């Protein structure tokens, strides 16, 4: 596999329909994206992944704040962490 044609640890796509399933769906990268990522250093790829993780955390937190305005900060962070760890946290 050249440069890991399937980079499953880079992007997992969740939606309302996949959230009900027991397994997340993986997003496959096209050749152009593979070339872009292959040109990056390890540190650059790690920075991209970290940015994606921060973005996911913000989106989940914002969604939960709207859905559960009664939750305090600790409860909110606990649920965000649980969701990001696929329920293993």
PDB file of N, CA and C in Angstrom:
ATOM      1  N   UNK A   1       0.835  -1.189   0.000  1.00  0.00           N
ATOM      2  CA  UNK A   1       0.000   0.000   0.000  1.00  0.00           C
ATOM      3  C   UNK A   1       0.874   1.244   0.000  1.00  0.00           C
ATOM      4  N   UNK A   2       0.757   2.050  -1.038  1.00  0.00           N
ATOM      5  CA  UNK A   2       1.566   3.246  -1.158  1.00  0.00           C
ATOM      6  C   UNK A   2       1.036   4.332  -0.228  1.00  0.00           C
ATOM      7  N   UNK A   3       1.889   4.767   0.693  1.00  0.00           N
ATOM      8  CA  UNK A   3       1.551   5.833   1.656  1.00  0.00           C
ATOM      9  C   UNK A   3       0.243   5.566   2.384  1.00  0.00           C
ATOM     10  N   UNK A   4      -0.085   4.341   2.590  1.00  0.00           N
ATOM     11  CA  UNK A   4      -1.300   4.012   3.323  1.00  0.00           C
ATOM     12  C   UNK A   4      -2.547   4.543   2.646  1.00  0.00           C
ATOM     13  N   UNK A   5      -2.955   3.906   1.569  1.00  0.00           N
ATOM     14  CA  UNK A   5      -4.099   4.390   0.786  1.00  0.00           C
ATOM     15  C   UNK A   5      -5.334   4.623   1.646  1.00  0.00           C
ATOM     16  N   UNK A   6      -5.458   3.866   2.680  1.00  0.00           N
ATOM     17  CA  UNK A   6      -6.574   4.090   3.604  1.00  0.00           C
ATOM     18  C   UNK A   6      -5.968   4.565   4.906  1.00  0.00           C
ATOM     19  N   UNK A   7      -6.187   5.800   5.213  1.00  0.00           N
ATOM     20  CA  UNK A   7      -5.641   6.344   6.468  1.00  0.00           C
ATOM     21  C   UNK A   7      -6.791   6.414   7.455  1.00  0.00           C
ATOM     22  N   UNK A   8      -7.065   5.267   8.074  1.00  0.00           N
ATOM     23  CA  UNK A   8      -8.241   5.188   8.939  1.00  0.00           C
ATOM     24  C   UNK A   8      -8.080   5.951  10.242  1.00  0.00           C
ATOM     25  N   UNK A   9      -6.834   6.176  10.660  1.00  0.00           N
ATOM     26  CA  UNK A   9      -6.660   6.921  11.906  1.00  0.00           C
ATOM     27  C   UNK A   9      -6.731   8.431  11.694  1.00  0.00           C
ATOM     28  N   UNK A  10      -6.752   8.872  10.410  1.00  0.00           N
ATOM     29  CA  UNK A  10      -6.782  10.299  10.148  1.00  0.00           C
ATOM     30  C   UNK A  10      -8.182  10.875  10.216  1.00  0.00           C
ATOM     31  N   UNK A  11      -9.165  10.151   9.652  1.00  0.00           N
ATOM     32  CA  UNK A  11     -10.497  10.745   9.606  1.00  0.00           C
ATOM     33  C   UNK A  11     -11.566   9.679   9.733  1.00  0.00           C
ATOM     34  N   UNK A  12     -12.378   9.771  10.731  1.00  0.00           N
ATOM     35  CA  UNK A  12     -13.540   8.908  10.889  1.00  0.00           C
ATOM     36  C   UNK A  12     -14.757   9.805  10.811  1.00  0.00           C
ATOM     37  N   UNK A  13     -15.673   9.435   9.932  1.00  0.00           N
ATOM     38  CA  UNK A  13     -16.832  10.272   9.696  1.00  0.00           C
ATOM     39  C   UNK A  13     -18.012   9.771  10.502  1.00  0.00           C
ATOM     40  N   UNK A  14     -18.586  10.674  11.288  1.00  0.00           N
ATOM     41  CA  UNK A  14     -19.771  10.340  12.053  1.00  0.00           C
ATOM     42  C   UNK A  14     -20.929  11.208  11.584  1.00  0.00           C
ATOM     43  N   UNK A  15     -22.081  10.633  11.546  1.00  0.00           N
ATOM     44  CA  UNK A  15     -23.302  11.382  11.275  1.00  0.00           C
ATOM     45  C   UNK A  15     -24.382  10.786  12.160  1.00  0.00           C
ATOM     46  N   UNK A  16     -25.541  11.361  12.127  1.00  0.00           N
ATOM     47  CA  UNK A  16     -26.620  10.808  12.955  1.00  0.00           C
ATOM     48  C   UNK A  16     -26.882   9.347  12.606  1.00  0.00           C
ATOM     49  N   UNK A  17     -26.814   9.004  11.330  1.00  0.00           N
ATOM     50  CA  UNK A  17     -27.095   7.620  10.947  1.00  0.00           C
ATOM     51  C   UNK A  17     -25.993   6.670  11.405  1.00  0.00           C
ATOM     52  N   UNK A  18     -24.721   7.078  11.304  1.00  0.00           N
ATOM     53  CA  UNK A  18     -23.647   6.182  11.717  1.00  0.00           C
ATOM     54  C   UNK A  18     -23.496   6.144  13.225  1.00  0.00           C
ATOM     55  N   UNK A  19     -23.962   7.193  13.926  1.00  0.00           N
ATOM     56  CA  UNK A  19     -23.855   7.195  15.382  1.00  0.00           C
ATOM     57  C   UNK A  19     -24.688   6.077  15.988  1.00  0.00           C
ATOM     58  N   UNK A  20     -25.741   5.661  15.287  1.00  0.00           N
ATOM     59  CA  UNK A  20     -26.592   4.582  15.790  1.00  0.00           C
ATOM     60  C   UNK A  20     -25.978   3.210  15.533  1.00  0.00           C
ATOM     61  N   UNK A  21     -25.033   3.120  14.625  1.00  0.00           N
ATOM     62  CA  UNK A  21     -24.403   1.847  14.306  1.00  0.00           C
ATOM     63  C   UNK A  21     -23.306   1.558  15.311  1.00  0.00           C
ATOM     64  N   UNK A  22     -22.924   0.296  15.413  1.00  0.00           N
ATOM     65  CA  UNK A  22     -21.893  -0.057  16.381  1.00  0.00           C
ATOM     66  C   UNK A  22     -20.492   0.239  15.855  1.00  0.00           C
ATOM     67  N   UNK A  23     -20.329   0.364  14.537  1.00  0.00           N
ATOM     68  CA  UNK A  23     -19.009   0.632  13.967  1.00  0.00           C
ATOM     69  C   UNK A  23     -19.029   1.945  13.188  1.00  0.00           C
ATOM     70  N   UNK A  24     -17.997   2.795  13.390  1.00  0.00           N
ATOM     71  CA  UNK A  24     -17.935   4.038  12.615  1.00  0.00           C
ATOM     72  C   UNK A  24     -17.586   3.748  11.162  1.00  0.00           C
ATOM     73  N   UNK A  25     -17.946   4.647  10.269  1.00  0.00           N
ATOM     74  CA  UNK A  25     -17.618   4.527   8.863  1.00  0.00           C
ATOM     75  C   UNK A  25     -16.286   5.231   8.623  1.00  0.00           C
ATOM     76  N   UNK A  26     -15.458   4.669   7.783  1.00  0.00           N
ATOM     77  CA  UNK A  26     -14.175   5.273   7.469  1.00  0.00           C
ATOM     78  C   UNK A  26     -14.277   6.061   6.174  1.00  0.00           C
ATOM     79  N   UNK A  27     -13.600   7.176   6.143  1.00  0.00           N
ATOM     80  CA  UNK A  27     -13.550   7.971   4.925  1.00  0.00           C
ATOM     81  C   UNK A  27     -12.270   7.624   4.188  1.00  0.00           C
ATOM     82  N   UNK A  28     -12.383   7.213   2.931  1.00  0.00           N
ATOM     83  CA  UNK A  28     -11.219   6.871   2.138  1.00  0.00           C
ATOM     84  C   UNK A  28     -10.673   8.123   1.472  1.00  0.00           C
ATOM     85  N   UNK A  29      -9.358   8.197   1.391  1.00  0.00           N
ATOM     86  CA  UNK A  29      -8.733   9.361   0.776  1.00  0.00           C
ATOM     87  C   UNK A  29      -8.516   9.118  -0.715  1.00  0.00           C
ATOM     88  N   UNK A  30      -8.708  10.157  -1.514  1.00  0.00           N
ATOM     89  CA  UNK A  30      -8.461  10.012  -2.946  1.00  0.00           C
ATOM     90  C   UNK A  30      -6.975  10.228  -3.233  1.00  0.00           C
ATOM     91  N   UNK A  31      -6.562   9.940  -4.453  1.00  0.00           N
ATOM     92  CA  UNK A  31      -5.147  10.023  -4.823  1.00  0.00           C
ATOM     93  C   UNK A  31      -4.551  11.407  -4.588  1.00  0.00           C
ATOM     94  N   UNK A  32      -5.312  12.462  -4.893  1.00  0.00           N
ATOM     95  CA  UNK A  32      -4.793  13.819  -4.719  1.00  0.00           C
ATOM     96  C   UNK A  32      -4.491  14.098  -3.255  1.00  0.00           C
ATOM     97  N   UNK A  33      -5.381  13.705  -2.363  1.00  0.00           N
ATOM     98  CA  UNK A  33      -5.153  13.925  -0.935  1.00  0.00           C
ATOM     99  C   UNK A  33      -3.991  13.069  -0.441  1.00  0.00           C
ATOM    100  N   UNK A  34      -3.857  11.876  -0.953  1.00  0.00           N
ATOM    101  CA  UNK A  34      -2.725  11.022  -0.570  1.00  0.00           C
ATOM    102  C   UNK A  34      -1.420  11.715  -0.930  1.00  0.00           C
ATOM    103  N   UNK A  35      -1.362  12.308  -2.125  1.00  0.00           N
ATOM    104  CA  UNK A  35      -0.147  13.007  -2.555  1.00  0.00           C
ATOM    105  C   UNK A  35       0.135  14.226  -1.671  1.00  0.00           C
ATOM    106  N   UNK A  36      -0.908  14.961  -1.325  1.00  0.00           N
ATOM    107  CA  UNK A  36      -0.728  16.130  -0.456  1.00  0.00           C
ATOM    108  C   UNK A  36      -0.180  15.697   0.896  1.00  0.00           C
ATOM    109  N   UNK A  37      -0.778  14.679   1.487  1.00  0.00           N
ATOM    110  CA  UNK A  37      -0.323  14.213   2.802  1.00  0.00           C
ATOM    111  C   UNK A  37       1.064  13.595   2.733  1.00  0.00           C
ATOM    112  N   UNK A  38       1.369  12.895   1.640  1.00  0.00           N
ATOM    113  CA  UNK A  38       2.687  12.273   1.486  1.00  0.00           C
ATOM    114  C   UNK A  38       3.789  13.326   1.408  1.00  0.00           C
ATOM    115  N   UNK A  39       3.445  14.523   0.934  1.00  0.00           N
ATOM    116  CA  UNK A  39       4.440  15.587   0.820  1.00  0.00           C
ATOM    117  C   UNK A  39       4.710  16.278   2.164  1.00  0.00           C
ATOM    118  N   UNK A  40       3.878  16.028   3.149  1.00  0.00           N
ATOM    119  CA  UNK A  40       4.019  16.656   4.463  1.00  0.00           C
ATOM    120  C   UNK A  40       5.001  15.866   5.321  1.00  0.00           C
ATOM    121  N   UNK A  41       5.627  16.566   6.240  1.00  0.00           N
ATOM    122  CA  UNK A  41       6.480  15.880   7.209  1.00  0.00           C
ATOM    123  C   UNK A  41       5.589  15.209   8.250  1.00  0.00           C
ATOM    124  N   UNK A  42       6.159  14.345   9.026  1.00  0.00           N
ATOM    125  CA  UNK A  42       5.405  13.709  10.102  1.00  0.00           C
ATOM    126  C   UNK A  42       4.830  14.734  11.063  1.00  0.00           C
ATOM    127  N   UNK A  43       5.616  15.755  11.371  1.00  0.00           N
ATOM    128  CA  UNK A  43       5.157  16.808  12.283  1.00  0.00           C
ATOM    129  C   UNK A  43       3.986  17.576  11.679  1.00  0.00           C
ATOM    130  N   UNK A  44       4.033  17.832  10.379  1.00  0.00           N
ATOM    131  CA  UNK A  44       2.932  18.538   9.729  1.00  0.00           C
ATOM    132  C   UNK A  44       1.656  17.693   9.725  1.00  0.00           C
ATOM    133  N   UNK A  45       1.803  16.390   9.462  1.00  0.00           N
ATOM    134  CA  UNK A  45       0.626  15.506   9.482  1.00  0.00           C
ATOM    135  C   UNK A  45       0.050  15.412  10.892  1.00  0.00           C
ATOM    136  N   UNK A  46       0.917  15.370  11.881  1.00  0.00           N
ATOM    137  CA  UNK A  46       0.456  15.338  13.271  1.00  0.00           C
ATOM    138  C   UNK A  46      -0.271  16.633  13.632  1.00  0.00           C
ATOM    139  N   UNK A  47       0.235  17.769  13.170  1.00  0.00           N
ATOM    140  CA  UNK A  47      -0.422  19.047  13.429  1.00  0.00           C
ATOM    141  C   UNK A  47      -1.804  19.095  12.773  1.00  0.00           C
ATOM    142  N   UNK A  48      -1.924  18.547  11.566  1.00  0.00           N
ATOM    143  CA  UNK A  48      -3.220  18.487  10.882  1.00  0.00           C
ATOM    144  C   UNK A  48      -4.191  17.635  11.697  1.00  0.00           C
ATOM    145  N   UNK A  49      -3.733  16.462  12.126  1.00  0.00           N
ATOM    146  CA  UNK A  49      -4.595  15.568  12.907  1.00  0.00           C
ATOM    147  C   UNK A  49      -5.002  16.217  14.229  1.00  0.00           C
ATOM    148  N   UNK A  50      -4.064  16.907  14.882  1.00  0.00           N
ATOM    149  CA  UNK A  50      -4.382  17.577  16.153  1.00  0.00           C
ATOM    150  C   UNK A  50      -5.423  18.670  15.931  1.00  0.00           C
ATOM    151  N   UNK A  51      -5.294  19.408  14.832  1.00  0.00           N
ATOM    152  CA  UNK A  51      -6.277  20.437  14.511  1.00  0.00           C
ATOM    153  C   UNK A  51      -7.657  19.842  14.257  1.00  0.00           C
ATOM    154  N   UNK A  52      -7.687  18.699  13.579  1.00  0.00           N
ATOM    155  CA  UNK A  52      -8.962  18.031  13.324  1.00  0.00           C
ATOM    156  C   UNK A  52      -9.592  17.568  14.640  1.00  0.00           C
ATOM    157  N   UNK A  53      -8.768  17.081  15.553  1.00  0.00           N
ATOM    158  CA  UNK A  53      -9.268  16.628  16.846  1.00  0.00           C
ATOM    159  C   UNK A  53      -9.849  17.796  17.634  1.00  0.00           C
ATOM    160  N   UNK A  54      -9.127  18.939  17.649  1.00  0.00           N
ATOM    161  CA  UNK A  54      -9.639  20.131  18.353  1.00  0.00           C
ATOM    162  C   UNK A  54     -10.957  20.595  17.743  1.00  0.00           C
ATOM    163  N   UNK A  55     -11.030  20.551  16.422  1.00  0.00           N
ATOM    164  CA  UNK A  55     -12.258  20.961  15.736  1.00  0.00           C
ATOM    165  C   UNK A  55     -13.420  20.032  16.106  1.00  0.00           C
ATOM    166  N   UNK A  56     -13.163  18.736  16.125  1.00  0.00           N
ATOM    167  CA  UNK A  56     -14.201  17.770  16.495  1.00  0.00           C
ATOM    168  C   UNK A  56     -14.665  18.015  17.934  1.00  0.00           C
ATOM    169  N   UNK A  57     -13.714  18.269  18.830  1.00  0.00           N
ATOM    170  CA  UNK A  57     -14.051  18.544  20.238  1.00  0.00           C
ATOM    171  C   UNK A  57     -14.941  19.777  20.346  1.00  0.00           C
ATOM    172  N   UNK A  58     -14.600  20.848  19.614  1.00  0.00           N
ATOM    173  CA  UNK A  58     -15.417  22.070  19.644  1.00  0.00           C
ATOM    174  C   UNK A  58     -16.819  21.821  19.087  1.00  0.00           C
ATOM    175  N   UNK A  59     -16.909  21.078  17.985  1.00  0.00           N
ATOM    176  CA  UNK A  59     -18.221  20.816  17.385  1.00  0.00           C
ATOM    177  C   UNK A  59     -19.104  19.987  18.304  1.00  0.00           C
ATOM    178  N   UNK A  60     -18.536  18.951  18.908  1.00  0.00           N
ATOM    179  CA  UNK A  60     -19.308  18.103  19.820  1.00  0.00           C
ATOM    180  C   UNK A  60     -19.736  18.908  21.044  1.00  0.00           C
ATOM    181  N   UNK A  61     -18.818  19.699  21.580  1.00  0.00           N
ATOM    182  CA  UNK A  61     -19.120  20.509  22.752  1.00  0.00           C
ATOM    183  C   UNK A  61     -20.241  21.511  22.452  1.00  0.00           C
ATOM    184  N   UNK A  62     -20.151  22.161  21.313  1.00  0.00           N
ATOM    185  CA  UNK A  62     -21.184  23.130  20.925  1.00  0.00           C
ATOM    186  C   UNK A  62     -22.546  22.451  20.772  1.00  0.00           C
ATOM    187  N   UNK A  63     -22.551  21.303  20.126  1.00  0.00           N
ATOM    188  CA  UNK A  63     -23.801  20.552  19.936  1.00  0.00           C
ATOM    189  C   UNK A  63     -24.403  20.164  21.289  1.00  0.00           C
ATOM    190  N   UNK A  64     -23.583  19.639  22.179  1.00  0.00           N
ATOM    191  CA  UNK A  64     -24.085  19.197  23.482  1.00  0.00           C
ATOM    192  C   UNK A  64     -24.570  20.375  24.327  1.00  0.00           C
ATOM    193  N   UNK A  65     -23.880  21.533  24.224  1.00  0.00           N
ATOM    194  CA  UNK A  65     -24.321  22.711  24.959  1.00  0.00           C
ATOM    195  C   UNK A  65     -25.722  23.136  24.529  1.00  0.00           C
ATOM    196  N   UNK A  66     -26.007  23.034  23.234  1.00  0.00           N
ATOM    197  CA  UNK A  66     -27.338  23.385  22.735  1.00  0.00           C
ATOM    198  C   UNK A  66     -28.372  22.344  23.145  1.00  0.00           C
ATOM    199  N   UNK A  67     -28.000  21.087  23.094  1.00  0.00           N
ATOM    200  CA  UNK A  67     -28.929  20.006  23.434  1.00  0.00           C
ATOM    201  C   UNK A  67     -29.203  19.908  24.930  1.00  0.00           C
ATOM    202  N   UNK A  68     -28.205  20.252  25.745  1.00  0.00           N
ATOM    203  CA  UNK A  68     -28.322  20.088  27.209  1.00  0.00           C
ATOM    204  C   UNK A  68     -27.819  21.340  27.934  1.00  0.00           C
ATOM    205  N   UNK A  69     -28.552  22.439  27.837  1.00  0.00           N
ATOM    206  CA  UNK A  69     -28.100  23.672  28.496  1.00  0.00           C
ATOM    207  C   UNK A  69     -28.028  23.546  30.018  1.00  0.00           C
ATOM    208  N   UNK A  70     -28.672  22.546  30.559  1.00  0.00           N
ATOM    209  CA  UNK A  70     -28.671  22.355  32.018  1.00  0.00           C
ATOM    210  C   UNK A  70     -27.390  21.689  32.529  1.00  0.00           C
ATOM    211  N   UNK A  71     -26.585  21.131  31.649  1.00  0.00           N
ATOM    212  CA  UNK A  71     -25.359  20.459  32.070  1.00  0.00           C
ATOM    213  C   UNK A  71     -24.310  21.469  32.508  1.00  0.00           C
ATOM    214  N   UNK A  72     -23.595  21.139  33.597  1.00  0.00           N
ATOM    215  CA  UNK A  72     -22.479  21.985  34.011  1.00  0.00           C
ATOM    216  C   UNK A  72     -21.244  21.628  33.177  1.00  0.00           C
ATOM    217  N   UNK A  73     -20.172  22.401  33.349  1.00  0.00           N
ATOM    218  CA  UNK A  73     -18.964  22.234  32.536  1.00  0.00           C
ATOM    219  C   UNK A  73     -18.352  20.836  32.687  1.00  0.00           C
ATOM    220  N   UNK A  74     -18.374  20.315  33.906  1.00  0.00           N
ATOM    221  CA  UNK A  74     -17.792  18.993  34.139  1.00  0.00           C
ATOM    222  C   UNK A  74     -18.572  17.904  33.397  1.00  0.00           C
ATOM    223  N   UNK A  75     -19.887  17.975  33.462  1.00  0.00           N
ATOM    224  CA  UNK A  75     -20.731  16.981  32.765  1.00  0.00           C
ATOM    225  C   UNK A  75     -20.540  17.080  31.259  1.00  0.00           C
ATOM    226  N   UNK A  76     -20.471  18.305  30.760  1.00  0.00           N
ATOM    227  CA  UNK A  76     -20.266  18.531  29.332  1.00  0.00           C
ATOM    228  C   UNK A  76     -18.930  17.935  28.876  1.00  0.00           C
ATOM    229  N   UNK A  77     -17.853  18.242  29.596  1.00  0.00           N
ATOM    230  CA  UNK A  77     -16.534  17.723  29.233  1.00  0.00           C
ATOM    231  C   UNK A  77     -16.482  16.206  29.328  1.00  0.00           C
ATOM    232  N   UNK A  78     -17.158  15.649  30.304  1.00  0.00           N
ATOM    233  CA  UNK A  78     -17.205  14.200  30.452  1.00  0.00           C
ATOM    234  C   UNK A  78     -17.857  13.539  29.235  1.00  0.00           C
ATOM    235  N   UNK A  79     -18.955  14.110  28.780  1.00  0.00           N
ATOM    236  CA  UNK A  79     -19.661  13.550  27.625  1.00  0.00           C
ATOM    237  C   UNK A  79     -18.876  13.754  26.336  1.00  0.00           C
ATOM    238  N   UNK A  80     -18.229  14.900  26.187  1.00  0.00           N
ATOM    239  CA  UNK A  80     -17.390  15.131  25.013  1.00  0.00           C
ATOM    240  C   UNK A  80     -16.275  14.095  24.977  1.00  0.00           C
ATOM    241  N   UNK A  81     -15.619  13.890  26.093  1.00  0.00           N
ATOM    242  CA  UNK A  81     -14.536  12.898  26.167  1.00  0.00           C
ATOM    243  C   UNK A  81     -15.049  11.492  25.859  1.00  0.00           C
ATOM    244  N   UNK A  82     -16.198  11.154  26.416  1.00  0.00           N
ATOM    245  CA  UNK A  82     -16.759   9.826  26.167  1.00  0.00           C
ATOM    246  C   UNK A  82     -17.020   9.623  24.676  1.00  0.00           C
ATOM    247  N   UNK A  83     -17.592  10.620  24.030  1.00  0.00           N
ATOM    248  CA  UNK A  83     -17.902  10.496  22.607  1.00  0.00           C
ATOM    249  C   UNK A  83     -16.645  10.419  21.758  1.00  0.00           C
ATOM    250  N   UNK A  84     -15.641  11.202  22.118  1.00  0.00           N
ATOM    251  CA  UNK A  84     -14.388  11.164  21.341  1.00  0.00           C
ATOM    252  C   UNK A  84     -13.627   9.865  21.534  1.00  0.00           C
ATOM    253  N   UNK A  85     -13.837   9.207  22.645  1.00  0.00           N
ATOM    254  CA  UNK A  85     -13.157   7.929  22.885  1.00  0.00           C
ATOM    255  C   UNK A  85     -14.027   6.740  22.491  1.00  0.00           C
ATOM    256  N   UNK A  86     -15.105   7.018  21.761  1.00  0.00           N
ATOM    257  CA  UNK A  86     -16.041   5.977  21.299  1.00  0.00           C
ATOM    258  C   UNK A  86     -16.625   5.194  22.470  1.00  0.00           C
ATOM    259  N   UNK A  87     -16.817   5.878  23.583  1.00  0.00           N
ATOM    260  CA  UNK A  87     -17.439   5.252  24.737  1.00  0.00           C
ATOM    261  C   UNK A  87     -16.483   4.443  25.596  1.00  0.00           C
ATOM    262  N   UNK A  88     -15.169   4.510  25.306  1.00  0.00           N
ATOM    263  CA  UNK A  88     -14.210   3.717  26.084  1.00  0.00           C
ATOM    264  C   UNK A  88     -13.618   4.473  27.256  1.00  0.00           C
ATOM    265  N   UNK A  89     -13.931   5.793  27.342  1.00  0.00           N
ATOM    266  CA  UNK A  89     -13.326   6.633  28.396  1.00  0.00           C
ATOM    267  C   UNK A  89     -14.093   6.638  29.664  1.00  0.00           C
TER     268      UNK A  89
END
